Amino acid sequence: MSGVHASPANIKTIAQAAERLGYDSLWTYERLLRPMAPLLPGPDGNLERIPDIYQTTFEPLETLSYVASFTSRITLGTNIVIPLFHAPVVLARRYATLDQFSGGRAVAGFGQGWMPQEYATAGVPMKRRGAGFDDVIAAIRACWGADPVEYAGRFYSIEASEVNPKPVRGDIPIVVGANSDAGIDRAARIADGITPLSFGLDMVTAQAERFRTAAERHGRNPAALTVTAQTNHAMQPKPISGDRPFLAGAPKQLADDIEQLRDRGFDGVLFAGLPTDEISAQIEMLDELRSLVPAG
């Protein structure tokens, strides 16, 4: 949950409801800042500021550690954190701490980001994306491995040291948010899963197929990797009529879309926050959607 209605109390209410209703996971994300400058094209062709939802965004790992304290089963993921903004040993330890506090429920969702202002704020050149992303993830995985940890990469190095805590099960799944061919191919090589944005059923299916084919080409077992479709459309209390975007609309419409994705081998769907500040209305929609989507 983010935006003007985000608060510790609301986050707790929604998280506990999601676990009680049988949802598999809860996710949040990183946004360093919301620039005043217009960055995104609007419907009239002029640039607009990025949406109000980014006005308030709590730090993701602290938020998920808070959520871990009053939940017991539900998976806790980030979609996404940009690892290039962090020292890999610090980020690895923060995820491992969340994993310990939650009893092994953490998922590390990473991405490369897109906003020049955030890269400038973090003091990292945008040209480091790509090779730097590979390097930081390799360094993080090294920190989660057996001591002594030692790593020497292009941008990062760790002298032989003990680095703790470790993840509960020895590792934390890494999923990558990517939509470009290069990003999908990179995820197939270094990640445990992918979370592409769903601009349409056929498009996201093609992205999933590319990911699995590329993974197999790298000698990996595609069946052991996950593909989770995500949408930035908020669930609506009333159905959308006419030309409806994929994974948008009321719970019944989303349930139909989710069933199509399941038929095409997707492992899950990650959908955006809900459009209303009425917490009870949000929970009612979550309850309705859960009742329409069979488990499994």
Protein backbone atom coordinates (compact mmCIF):
# COMPACT_ATOMS: atom_id res chain seq x y z
CA MET A 1 0.00 0.00 0.00
CA SER A 2 1.29 3.45 -0.90
CA GLY A 3 -0.06 6.91 -1.57
CA VAL A 4 -1.89 9.37 0.66
CA HIS A 5 -3.91 6.64 2.41
CA ALA A 6 -0.89 4.51 3.31
CA SER A 7 -0.41 4.15 7.05
CA PRO A 8 0.86 1.50 9.46
CA ALA A 9 -2.71 0.84 10.61
CA ASN A 10 -4.07 0.38 7.08
CA ILE A 11 -1.13 -1.80 6.06
CA LYS A 12 -1.75 -4.03 9.07
CA THR A 13 -5.48 -4.32 8.37
CA ILE A 14 -5.01 -5.25 4.69
CA ALA A 15 -2.12 -7.65 5.40
CA GLN A 16 -4.03 -9.55 8.06
CA ALA A 17 -7.10 -9.73 5.81
CA ALA A 18 -5.04 -11.06 2.89
CA GLU A 19 -3.59 -13.81 5.05
CA ARG A 20 -6.97 -14.68 6.56
CA LEU A 21 -8.56 -14.87 3.09
CA GLY A 22 -5.92 -17.29 1.84
CA TYR A 23 -3.83 -15.11 -0.45
CA ASP A 24 -0.36 -16.43 -1.20
CA SER A 25 1.73 -13.29 -0.90
CA LEU A 26 1.97 -9.60 -0.08
CA TRP A 27 4.24 -7.25 -2.03
CA THR A 28 5.54 -3.73 -1.78
CA TYR A 29 8.10 -1.70 -3.67
CA GLU A 30 10.84 0.90 -3.53
CA ARG A 31 10.53 4.52 -4.71
CA LEU A 32 13.28 6.85 -3.55
CA LEU A 33 11.45 10.04 -4.47
CA ARG A 34 8.70 11.61 -6.55
CA PRO A 35 10.27 14.31 -8.71
CA MET A 36 8.43 17.57 -9.18
CA ALA A 37 9.39 17.52 -12.87
CA PRO A 38 6.87 16.03 -15.37
CA LEU A 39 8.25 12.73 -16.64
CA LEU A 40 5.46 10.64 -18.15
CA PRO A 41 3.35 11.34 -21.25
CA GLY A 42 -0.24 12.22 -20.44
CA PRO A 43 -3.39 11.60 -22.50
CA ASP A 44 -2.98 14.96 -24.27
CA GLY A 45 0.60 14.18 -25.24
CA ASN A 46 2.13 16.55 -22.70
CA LEU A 47 4.38 15.31 -19.92
CA GLU A 48 2.88 14.83 -16.46
CA ARG A 49 4.28 14.07 -13.04
CA ILE A 50 4.40 10.42 -12.03
CA PRO A 51 1.14 9.37 -10.29
CA ASP A 52 0.06 10.51 -6.83
CA ILE A 53 0.35 6.91 -5.59
CA TYR A 54 4.12 7.49 -5.34
CA GLN A 55 3.72 10.47 -3.01
CA THR A 56 4.13 8.27 0.06
CA THR A 57 5.99 4.98 -0.24
CA PHE A 58 7.26 3.31 2.90
CA GLU A 59 10.66 1.62 2.82
CA PRO A 60 9.89 -1.91 1.61
CA LEU A 61 12.00 -4.13 3.85
CA GLU A 62 11.11 -2.25 7.01
CA THR A 63 7.44 -2.47 5.99
CA LEU A 64 7.63 -6.20 5.37
CA SER A 65 9.44 -6.78 8.69
CA TYR A 66 6.55 -4.95 10.34
CA VAL A 67 4.07 -7.15 8.46
CA ALA A 68 6.02 -10.27 9.46
CA SER A 69 5.37 -9.47 13.12
CA PHE A 70 1.59 -9.99 12.83
CA THR A 71 1.37 -12.63 10.08
CA SER A 72 2.53 -16.22 10.11
CA ARG A 73 2.06 -17.81 6.68
CA ILE A 74 1.88 -15.37 3.81
CA THR A 75 4.95 -14.79 1.59
CA LEU A 76 6.51 -11.31 1.78
CA GLY A 77 7.98 -9.95 -1.45
CA THR A 78 9.36 -6.82 -3.04
CA ASN A 79 8.34 -5.80 -6.54
CA ILE A 80 10.64 -4.11 -7.03
CA VAL A 81 13.73 -3.00 -5.14
CA ILE A 82 16.53 -1.60 -7.28
CA PRO A 83 19.69 -3.28 -5.95
CA LEU A 84 22.01 -0.87 -7.77
CA PHE A 85 20.95 1.79 -5.25
CA HIS A 86 22.41 -0.23 -2.36
CA ALA A 87 25.67 -1.79 -1.22
CA PRO A 88 25.14 -5.51 -1.94
CA VAL A 89 26.33 -6.73 1.46
CA VAL A 90 23.93 -4.32 3.21
CA LEU A 91 20.98 -5.31 1.02
CA ALA A 92 21.77 -9.02 1.39
CA ARG A 93 21.81 -8.70 5.18
CA ARG A 94 18.53 -6.75 5.20
CA TYR A 95 16.75 -9.41 3.15
CA ALA A 96 18.25 -12.19 5.28
CA THR A 97 17.07 -10.37 8.41
CA LEU A 98 13.53 -10.16 7.00
CA ASP A 99 13.75 -13.84 6.10
CA GLN A 100 14.79 -14.74 9.65
CA PHE A 101 12.13 -12.56 11.26
CA SER A 102 9.42 -14.02 9.00
CA GLY A 103 10.47 -17.66 9.29
CA GLY A 104 11.71 -17.98 5.69
CA ARG A 105 8.94 -16.08 3.90
CA ALA A 106 10.98 -13.48 1.99
CA VAL A 107 11.15 -13.11 -1.80
CA ALA A 108 13.61 -10.64 -3.30
CA GLY A 109 12.01 -8.95 -6.28
CA PHE A 110 14.60 -6.85 -8.09
CA GLY A 111 14.58 -4.57 -11.10
CA GLN A 112 16.79 -2.07 -12.87
CA GLY A 113 14.60 1.01 -12.51
CA TRP A 114 14.00 3.71 -15.08
CA MET A 115 14.05 7.11 -13.40
CA PRO A 116 17.19 9.22 -13.99
CA GLN A 117 16.47 11.32 -10.88
CA GLU A 118 16.62 8.25 -8.66
CA TYR A 119 19.93 7.14 -10.13
CA ALA A 120 21.35 10.63 -9.65
CA THR A 121 20.12 10.69 -6.04
CA ALA A 122 21.72 7.30 -5.37
CA GLY A 123 24.99 8.44 -6.97
CA VAL A 124 24.94 5.62 -9.51
CA PRO A 125 25.31 6.17 -13.28
CA MET A 126 22.42 4.77 -15.32
CA LYS A 127 24.93 3.23 -17.72
CA ARG A 128 25.74 0.73 -14.96
CA ARG A 129 22.44 -1.02 -15.62
CA GLY A 130 22.91 -4.39 -17.29
CA ALA A 131 26.41 -5.46 -16.32
CA GLY A 132 26.06 -3.78 -12.93
CA PHE A 133 22.75 -5.53 -12.29
CA ASP A 134 24.37 -8.92 -12.95
CA ASP A 135 27.23 -8.02 -10.63
CA VAL A 136 25.16 -6.79 -7.69
CA ILE A 137 22.92 -9.87 -7.75
CA ALA A 138 25.94 -12.18 -7.86
CA ALA A 139 27.41 -10.33 -4.87
CA ILE A 140 24.13 -10.61 -2.94
CA ARG A 141 23.93 -14.35 -3.62
CA ALA A 142 27.51 -14.72 -2.43
CA CYS A 143 26.56 -13.06 0.88
CA TRP A 144 23.79 -15.61 1.39
CA GLY A 145 26.24 -18.48 0.84
CA ALA A 146 28.53 -20.22 3.26
CA ASP A 147 31.14 -18.27 5.21
CA PRO A 148 33.72 -17.10 4.53
CA VAL A 149 32.06 -14.96 1.88
CA GLU A 150 34.44 -13.72 -0.80
CA TYR A 151 33.54 -11.96 -4.01
CA ALA A 152 35.41 -10.13 -6.74
CA GLY A 153 33.32 -8.64 -9.55
CA ARG A 154 33.50 -5.77 -11.97
CA PHE A 155 31.90 -3.21 -9.64
CA TYR A 156 31.79 -4.93 -6.25
CA SER A 157 34.22 -6.85 -4.09
CA ILE A 158 33.98 -8.48 -0.67
CA GLU A 159 37.10 -9.55 1.19
CA ALA A 160 36.91 -13.03 2.75
CA SER A 161 34.59 -12.43 5.71
CA GLU A 162 31.75 -13.77 7.75
CA VAL A 163 28.52 -12.13 6.57
CA ASN A 164 25.44 -12.80 8.66
CA PRO A 165 22.57 -13.43 9.13
CA LYS A 166 21.91 -16.04 6.47
CA PRO A 167 18.52 -16.88 4.98
CA VAL A 168 16.49 -19.50 6.81
CA ARG A 169 16.71 -22.08 3.99
CA GLY A 170 20.14 -21.06 2.74
CA ASP A 171 18.85 -18.82 -0.04
CA ILE A 172 16.09 -16.35 -0.90
CA PRO A 173 14.27 -16.61 -4.24
CA ILE A 174 15.14 -13.76 -6.59
CA VAL A 175 12.52 -12.68 -9.11
CA VAL A 176 13.12 -9.95 -11.66
CA GLY A 177 10.68 -7.42 -13.03
CA ALA A 178 11.46 -7.15 -16.74
CA ASN A 179 9.57 -6.59 -20.00
CA SER A 180 12.27 -5.97 -22.61
CA ASP A 181 13.80 -8.88 -24.49
CA ALA A 182 17.20 -8.15 -22.95
CA GLY A 183 15.75 -7.96 -19.46
CA ILE A 184 13.82 -11.21 -19.89
CA ASP A 185 16.91 -12.98 -21.20
CA ARG A 186 18.94 -11.70 -18.27
CA ALA A 187 16.32 -12.91 -15.79
CA ALA A 188 16.35 -16.32 -17.46
CA ARG A 189 20.07 -16.51 -16.77
CA ILE A 190 20.34 -15.20 -13.21
CA ALA A 191 16.91 -15.22 -11.52
CA ASP A 192 14.50 -17.72 -9.99
CA GLY A 193 11.49 -16.12 -11.63
CA ILE A 194 10.12 -13.17 -13.52
CA THR A 195 7.24 -10.71 -12.97
CA PRO A 196 6.41 -9.13 -16.36
CA LEU A 197 3.78 -6.41 -16.66
CA SER A 198 0.67 -7.69 -18.44
CA PHE A 199 -0.23 -5.34 -21.27
CA GLY A 200 -2.28 -8.11 -22.89
CA LEU A 201 -2.76 -11.86 -22.63
CA ASP A 202 -0.88 -12.75 -25.80
CA MET A 203 1.96 -10.34 -25.08
CA VAL A 204 2.60 -11.55 -21.55
CA THR A 205 2.30 -15.17 -22.73
CA ALA A 206 5.01 -14.50 -25.32
CA GLN A 207 7.21 -12.99 -22.60
CA ALA A 208 6.71 -16.07 -20.42
CA GLU A 209 7.60 -18.36 -23.30
CA ARG A 210 10.72 -16.33 -24.08
CA PHE A 211 11.79 -16.53 -20.42
CA ARG A 212 11.35 -20.30 -20.24
CA THR A 213 13.04 -20.91 -23.59
CA ALA A 214 16.01 -18.73 -22.64
CA ALA A 215 16.33 -20.46 -19.27
CA GLU A 216 16.44 -23.85 -20.95
CA ARG A 217 19.07 -22.54 -23.36
CA HIS A 218 21.21 -21.66 -20.34
CA GLY A 219 20.90 -25.20 -19.02
CA ARG A 220 18.29 -24.38 -16.41
CA ASN A 221 15.05 -26.22 -15.70
CA PRO A 222 12.14 -23.91 -16.67
CA ALA A 223 9.77 -25.90 -14.47
CA ALA A 224 11.79 -24.85 -11.42
CA LEU A 225 11.36 -21.14 -12.22
CA THR A 226 8.27 -18.99 -11.67
CA VAL A 227 6.39 -16.63 -13.96
CA THR A 228 4.06 -14.20 -12.21
CA ALA A 229 2.04 -11.77 -14.31
CA GLN A 230 1.53 -8.36 -12.80
CA THR A 231 -0.84 -5.50 -13.49
CA ASN A 232 -0.78 -1.84 -12.56
CA HIS A 233 -4.58 -1.64 -12.87
CA ALA A 234 -6.36 -1.36 -9.55
CA MET A 235 -9.29 -3.70 -8.92
CA GLN A 236 -12.62 -1.90 -9.31
CA PRO A 237 -15.84 -2.41 -7.31
CA LYS A 238 -17.93 -2.31 -10.51
CA PRO A 239 -17.30 -4.09 -13.83
CA ILE A 240 -15.65 -2.21 -16.69
CA SER A 241 -17.80 -2.24 -19.81
CA GLY A 242 -16.61 -1.92 -23.37
CA ASP A 243 -12.93 -2.16 -24.27
CA ARG A 244 -11.47 -3.46 -20.99
CA PRO A 245 -7.71 -3.69 -20.43
CA PHE A 246 -6.44 -7.14 -19.50
CA LEU A 247 -6.29 -7.72 -15.73
CA ALA A 248 -8.46 -4.69 -15.03
CA GLY A 249 -11.97 -4.40 -13.69
CA ALA A 250 -14.14 -5.94 -11.01
CA PRO A 251 -13.31 -9.18 -9.15
CA LYS A 252 -15.32 -11.37 -11.58
CA GLN A 253 -13.49 -9.87 -14.57
CA LEU A 254 -10.11 -10.37 -12.90
CA ALA A 255 -11.04 -13.95 -12.02
CA ASP A 256 -11.74 -14.70 -15.69
CA ASP A 257 -8.37 -13.22 -16.70
CA ILE A 258 -6.55 -15.13 -13.96
CA GLU A 259 -8.09 -18.39 -15.20
CA GLN A 260 -6.76 -17.70 -18.70
CA LEU A 261 -3.28 -17.12 -17.29
CA ARG A 262 -3.49 -20.32 -15.29
CA ASP A 263 -4.39 -22.22 -18.45
CA ARG A 264 -1.21 -20.84 -20.03
CA GLY A 265 1.04 -22.03 -17.22
CA PHE A 266 1.47 -18.89 -15.15
CA ASP A 267 2.30 -19.43 -11.49
CA GLY A 268 0.50 -16.40 -10.13
CA VAL A 269 -0.78 -12.88 -10.59
CA LEU A 270 0.40 -9.81 -8.76
CA PHE A 271 -2.15 -7.01 -8.85
CA ALA A 272 -1.91 -3.37 -7.82
CA GLY A 273 -3.36 -1.68 -4.78
CA LEU A 274 -7.05 -1.03 -4.68
CA PRO A 275 -8.58 2.31 -5.72
CA THR A 276 -10.52 3.22 -2.61
CA ASP A 277 -9.44 4.49 0.79
CA GLU A 278 -12.37 2.60 2.33
CA ILE A 279 -10.57 -0.33 3.91
CA SER A 280 -13.76 -2.34 4.35
CA ALA A 281 -14.52 -1.98 0.60
CA GLN A 282 -11.02 -3.12 -0.27
CA ILE A 283 -11.37 -6.21 1.89
CA GLU A 284 -14.77 -7.00 0.36
CA MET A 285 -13.22 -6.98 -3.13
CA LEU A 286 -10.33 -9.15 -1.96
CA ASP A 287 -12.80 -11.58 -0.42
CA GLU A 288 -14.91 -11.71 -3.58
CA LEU A 289 -11.91 -12.29 -5.84
CA ARG A 290 -10.56 -15.01 -3.58
CA SER A 291 -13.91 -16.81 -3.62
CA LEU A 292 -13.92 -16.77 -7.44
CA VAL A 293 -10.38 -18.12 -7.94
CA PRO A 294 -9.89 -21.76 -6.95
CA ALA A 295 -6.78 -22.58 -4.95
CA GLY A 296 -3.92 -24.39 -6.66
